[in-house]
Amino acid sequence: MRFLRFVVIITVVLGGLFVAADRFAVGYAEDRLADRIQARQGLAGSAEVDIHGFPFLTQALSHDLERVDLKLKGVDAVADGRKTRLTQLDATFRGVKLNGDYSGGTAQRAEGSALITYPDLTEASQSGAKLTYGGAPDKVKVTASVNVLGQTFTRSVVSTITLVDAKEGQGGGAGKGGGGKFVRVRADAVPGEGIPGIESAVRKKTDFDRRLDDGLPVGLQLTGLTSDESGIHLKLSGTDLALAGS
């Protein structure tokens, strides 16, 4: 009986030590991977990594991770020489195969989301227009001042924000040979339409395209978007993605 009790105690102690060692190892791996991702992307903000699955050590020995969650804050997506700030980007990578020295890996697939706030979208427009929520999904309100025939007019329009396919070779290229996606803002209607010069002057301020997909980190691609009071929410996905160091 005493021997059995001794065996149980030893088993519990060893089990506890293994769990502690496993948690220490996964915490260390998460920190190192976050540092590598931040350095690889040149992030101005922060990166957080959460490696799922227990035990971690057996996953690490096999070089296969079931799931890795990534949270980035303050991402500057640069495309066509233009910068667009993403307040936050969250992504889940599945089927991660680590490389030989554990400096990175490749994920079979990933899904995620990103947020562009209206102040950051305003700055991205580069036209002096102010963008706010348009009161409905996929709508934004754009306010701009224009000068027509020596007079300054301030107009607000409700615009539709959509994700559109770029023409082959248009605006650089996501991947090889062009293609990719654009975030497009277009006014539904312009006050004063029909008055010579008004509509074109307003649309020069309110309408714009912004390419993001070839500037997004970790190889994610745009697949959809919507808007609400907090900003523009992007849907992201990808396959065969390099996860740092690869």
Protein backbone atom coordinates (compact mmCIF):
# COMPACT_ATOMS: atom_id res chain seq x y z
CA MET A 1 0.00 0.00 0.00
CA ARG A 2 2.82 2.35 0.87
CA PHE A 3 4.57 1.39 -2.35
CA LEU A 4 1.45 2.16 -4.36
CA ARG A 5 1.10 5.49 -2.61
CA PHE A 6 4.76 6.21 -3.37
CA VAL A 7 4.22 5.39 -7.06
CA VAL A 8 1.18 7.68 -7.22
CA ILE A 9 3.09 10.54 -5.60
CA ILE A 10 6.06 10.11 -7.97
CA THR A 11 3.69 9.98 -10.95
CA VAL A 12 1.93 13.17 -9.87
CA VAL A 13 5.24 14.96 -9.27
CA LEU A 14 6.67 13.88 -12.62
CA GLY A 15 3.43 14.77 -14.35
CA GLY A 16 3.50 18.21 -12.76
CA LEU A 17 7.11 18.72 -13.80
CA PHE A 18 6.28 17.68 -17.37
CA VAL A 19 3.33 20.09 -17.53
CA ALA A 20 5.49 22.90 -16.12
CA ALA A 21 8.26 22.16 -18.61
CA ASP A 22 5.75 21.98 -21.46
CA ARG A 23 4.16 25.31 -20.54
CA PHE A 24 7.58 26.95 -20.19
CA ALA A 25 8.60 25.61 -23.61
CA VAL A 26 5.43 26.79 -25.34
CA GLY A 27 5.72 30.23 -23.74
CA TYR A 28 9.31 30.55 -24.91
CA ALA A 29 8.37 29.38 -28.42
CA GLU A 30 5.46 31.87 -28.60
CA ASP A 31 7.72 34.78 -27.61
CA ARG A 32 10.45 33.83 -30.09
CA LEU A 33 7.97 33.34 -32.93
CA ALA A 34 6.31 36.69 -32.16
CA ASP A 35 9.71 38.41 -32.26
CA ARG A 36 10.55 36.81 -35.60
CA ILE A 37 7.20 37.74 -37.14
CA GLN A 38 7.54 41.32 -35.91
CA ALA A 39 11.06 41.59 -37.33
CA ARG A 40 10.10 39.91 -40.61
CA GLN A 41 7.16 42.25 -41.18
CA GLY A 42 8.92 45.36 -39.87
CA LEU A 43 5.97 46.06 -37.60
CA ALA A 44 5.69 49.37 -35.82
CA GLY A 45 3.25 47.82 -33.34
CA SER A 46 3.23 44.52 -31.49
CA ALA A 47 2.84 40.81 -32.24
CA GLU A 48 1.32 38.14 -30.01
CA VAL A 49 1.40 34.39 -30.72
CA ASP A 50 -0.69 31.64 -29.10
CA ILE A 51 0.28 28.03 -29.88
CA HIS A 52 -2.58 25.60 -29.24
CA GLY A 53 -2.50 21.91 -28.44
CA PHE A 54 -1.11 19.86 -25.55
CA PRO A 55 1.47 18.67 -25.08
CA PHE A 56 3.49 21.21 -27.04
CA LEU A 57 6.76 19.29 -26.74
CA THR A 58 5.50 16.32 -28.73
CA GLN A 59 4.24 18.67 -31.44
CA ALA A 60 7.60 20.43 -31.51
CA LEU A 61 9.52 17.14 -31.79
CA SER A 62 7.40 16.14 -34.78
CA HIS A 63 7.74 19.67 -36.28
CA ASP A 64 3.94 19.83 -36.64
CA LEU A 65 1.69 22.34 -34.88
CA GLU A 66 -2.07 21.97 -35.00
CA ARG A 67 -2.95 25.64 -34.67
CA VAL A 68 -1.18 28.95 -34.17
CA ASP A 69 -3.08 32.18 -33.45
CA LEU A 70 -1.47 35.51 -34.35
CA LYS A 71 -2.52 38.98 -33.20
CA LEU A 72 -0.81 42.01 -34.74
CA LYS A 73 -1.38 45.61 -33.71
CA GLY A 74 -0.30 48.66 -35.66
CA VAL A 75 0.33 47.05 -39.05
CA ASP A 76 1.38 49.35 -41.90
CA ALA A 77 0.27 47.73 -45.15
CA VAL A 78 2.29 49.36 -47.93
CA ALA A 79 1.15 48.81 -51.51
CA ASP A 80 1.79 50.86 -54.64
CA GLY A 81 3.94 53.15 -52.49
CA ARG A 82 0.98 54.04 -50.26
CA LYS A 83 0.63 53.19 -46.59
CA THR A 84 -2.58 52.09 -44.91
CA ARG A 85 -2.60 51.47 -41.16
CA LEU A 86 -4.40 48.38 -39.87
CA THR A 87 -5.27 48.89 -36.21
CA GLN A 88 -5.41 45.15 -35.55
CA LEU A 89 -5.01 41.94 -37.50
CA ASP A 90 -5.99 38.52 -36.12
CA ALA A 91 -5.18 35.30 -37.94
CA THR A 92 -5.41 31.57 -37.23
CA PHE A 93 -2.93 29.25 -38.94
CA ARG A 94 -3.61 25.53 -39.17
CA GLY A 95 -1.39 22.65 -40.16
CA VAL A 96 1.89 24.43 -39.41
CA LYS A 97 5.03 22.55 -40.45
CA LEU A 98 8.09 23.87 -38.61
CA ASN A 99 11.40 24.10 -40.43
CA GLY A 100 14.50 22.27 -39.23
CA ASP A 101 15.87 24.93 -36.87
CA TYR A 102 12.44 26.00 -35.53
CA SER A 103 12.96 29.55 -36.83
CA GLY A 104 9.65 29.49 -38.70
CA GLY A 105 7.37 27.29 -40.70
CA THR A 106 4.68 26.95 -43.34
CA ALA A 107 0.93 26.80 -42.67
CA GLN A 108 -1.40 24.79 -44.87
CA ARG A 109 -4.14 27.38 -44.50
CA ALA A 110 -5.09 30.49 -42.55
CA GLU A 111 -8.11 32.67 -41.88
CA GLY A 112 -8.27 36.05 -40.26
CA SER A 113 -9.66 39.54 -39.99
CA ALA A 114 -8.31 43.08 -39.82
CA LEU A 115 -9.67 46.47 -38.79
CA ILE A 116 -9.10 49.83 -40.46
CA THR A 117 -10.44 52.69 -38.35
CA TYR A 118 -12.06 55.69 -40.02
CA PRO A 119 -9.22 58.08 -39.04
CA ASP A 120 -6.74 55.67 -40.69
CA LEU A 121 -8.99 55.30 -43.74
CA THR A 122 -9.22 59.10 -43.92
CA GLU A 123 -5.43 59.32 -43.98
CA ALA A 124 -5.24 56.55 -46.57
CA SER A 125 -7.54 58.46 -48.93
CA GLN A 126 -4.83 61.15 -49.32
CA SER A 127 -7.44 63.58 -50.62
CA GLY A 128 -8.25 65.68 -47.55
CA ALA A 129 -11.68 64.08 -47.27
CA LYS A 130 -12.97 62.85 -43.90
CA LEU A 131 -14.50 59.38 -43.69
CA THR A 132 -16.94 58.19 -41.02
CA TYR A 133 -19.54 55.45 -40.66
CA GLY A 134 -22.25 55.62 -43.31
CA GLY A 135 -25.05 54.20 -41.15
CA ALA A 136 -25.26 50.78 -42.79
CA PRO A 137 -23.00 47.85 -43.66
CA ASP A 138 -20.69 48.59 -46.60
CA LYS A 139 -21.45 52.32 -46.36
CA VAL A 140 -19.18 55.19 -45.37
CA LYS A 141 -19.84 58.91 -45.13
CA VAL A 142 -17.31 61.06 -46.95
CA THR A 143 -17.07 64.82 -46.32
CA ALA A 144 -14.87 67.00 -48.50
CA SER A 145 -14.35 70.62 -49.49
CA VAL A 146 -14.01 71.47 -53.17
CA ASN A 147 -13.31 74.66 -55.08
CA VAL A 148 -15.42 75.38 -58.15
CA LEU A 149 -15.22 78.66 -60.05
CA GLY A 150 -13.52 80.38 -57.13
CA GLN A 151 -16.06 79.22 -54.56
CA THR A 152 -15.49 76.60 -51.88
CA PHE A 153 -18.20 74.04 -51.28
CA THR A 154 -18.27 71.43 -48.51
CA ARG A 155 -20.24 68.34 -49.41
CA SER A 156 -21.00 65.08 -47.62
CA VAL A 157 -21.88 61.97 -49.57
CA VAL A 158 -22.78 58.41 -48.64
CA SER A 159 -20.42 56.05 -50.41
CA THR A 160 -20.33 52.31 -50.94
CA ILE A 161 -17.12 50.51 -50.01
CA THR A 162 -16.49 47.32 -51.92
CA LEU A 163 -13.78 44.79 -52.64
CA VAL A 164 -13.08 44.53 -56.36
CA ASP A 165 -10.76 42.47 -58.53
CA ALA A 166 -7.85 44.39 -59.98
CA LYS A 167 -7.25 44.08 -63.69
CA GLU A 168 -4.25 42.04 -64.71
CA GLY A 169 -1.15 44.18 -64.35
CA GLN A 170 -3.05 47.09 -62.73
CA GLY A 171 -1.40 48.76 -59.76
CA GLY A 172 1.61 46.50 -59.32
CA GLY A 173 0.52 43.00 -58.45
CA ALA A 174 -0.38 40.66 -55.67
CA GLY A 175 1.76 37.71 -56.45
CA LYS A 176 2.79 37.25 -60.07
CA GLY A 177 1.64 39.23 -63.05
CA GLY A 178 -0.91 41.51 -61.38
CA GLY A 179 -4.40 40.66 -60.23
CA GLY A 180 -5.34 40.86 -56.58
CA LYS A 181 -7.95 43.03 -54.89
CA PHE A 182 -8.74 46.69 -54.37
CA VAL A 183 -10.74 48.39 -51.63
CA ARG A 184 -12.93 50.82 -53.58
CA VAL A 185 -14.89 53.81 -52.24
CA ARG A 186 -17.48 55.35 -54.58
CA ALA A 187 -20.14 57.99 -53.82
CA ASP A 188 -23.67 56.71 -54.41
CA ALA A 189 -24.78 60.19 -55.49
CA VAL A 190 -23.26 63.67 -55.45
CA PRO A 191 -25.22 66.77 -54.36
CA GLY A 192 -25.28 69.24 -57.22
CA GLU A 193 -24.98 66.62 -59.95
CA GLY A 194 -25.71 68.27 -63.27
CA ILE A 195 -24.02 71.55 -62.33
CA PRO A 196 -20.91 71.84 -64.54
CA GLY A 197 -17.75 70.93 -62.65
CA ILE A 198 -19.44 70.02 -59.36
CA GLU A 199 -19.65 66.24 -59.68
CA SER A 200 -16.15 65.71 -61.05
CA ALA A 201 -14.65 68.04 -58.41
CA VAL A 202 -16.45 66.25 -55.58
CA ARG A 203 -15.62 62.78 -56.86
CA LYS A 204 -11.93 63.66 -57.10
CA LYS A 205 -12.08 64.12 -53.33
CA THR A 206 -14.50 61.37 -52.34
CA ASP A 207 -13.81 58.45 -54.68
CA PHE A 208 -10.64 56.39 -54.39
CA ASP A 209 -9.16 52.92 -54.64
CA ARG A 210 -6.72 51.45 -52.18
CA ARG A 211 -4.74 48.31 -52.76
CA LEU A 212 -3.94 46.31 -49.62
CA ASP A 213 -3.52 42.65 -50.47
CA ASP A 214 0.07 42.84 -51.75
CA GLY A 215 1.04 44.75 -48.60
CA LEU A 216 -0.60 42.53 -46.00
CA PRO A 217 1.66 40.56 -43.67
CA VAL A 218 2.14 36.78 -43.63
CA GLY A 219 0.83 36.26 -47.16
CA LEU A 220 -2.85 36.71 -46.35
CA GLN A 221 -5.23 37.80 -49.09
CA LEU A 222 -8.41 39.89 -48.95
CA THR A 223 -11.63 37.92 -49.38
CA GLY A 224 -14.33 40.31 -48.13
CA LEU A 225 -15.18 43.39 -46.10
CA THR A 226 -17.94 45.20 -44.25
CA SER A 227 -18.25 48.35 -42.15
CA ASP A 228 -19.73 49.37 -38.82
CA GLU A 229 -19.25 52.14 -36.26
CA SER A 230 -15.71 51.00 -35.39
CA GLY A 231 -14.37 50.96 -38.94
CA ILE A 232 -13.82 48.71 -41.93
CA HIS A 233 -13.54 45.00 -41.17
CA LEU A 234 -11.54 42.96 -43.66
CA LYS A 235 -11.82 39.19 -44.10
CA LEU A 236 -8.57 37.41 -44.89
CA SER A 237 -7.50 33.94 -45.94
CA GLY A 238 -4.61 32.11 -47.53
CA THR A 239 -2.94 28.75 -48.17
CA ASP A 240 0.68 27.56 -48.02
CA LEU A 241 1.74 30.58 -45.97
CA ALA A 242 5.21 31.32 -44.66
CA LEU A 243 5.06 31.90 -40.91
CA ALA A 244 8.24 33.83 -40.16
CA GLY A 245 11.78 32.83 -40.96
CA SER A 246 10.81 30.73 -44.01
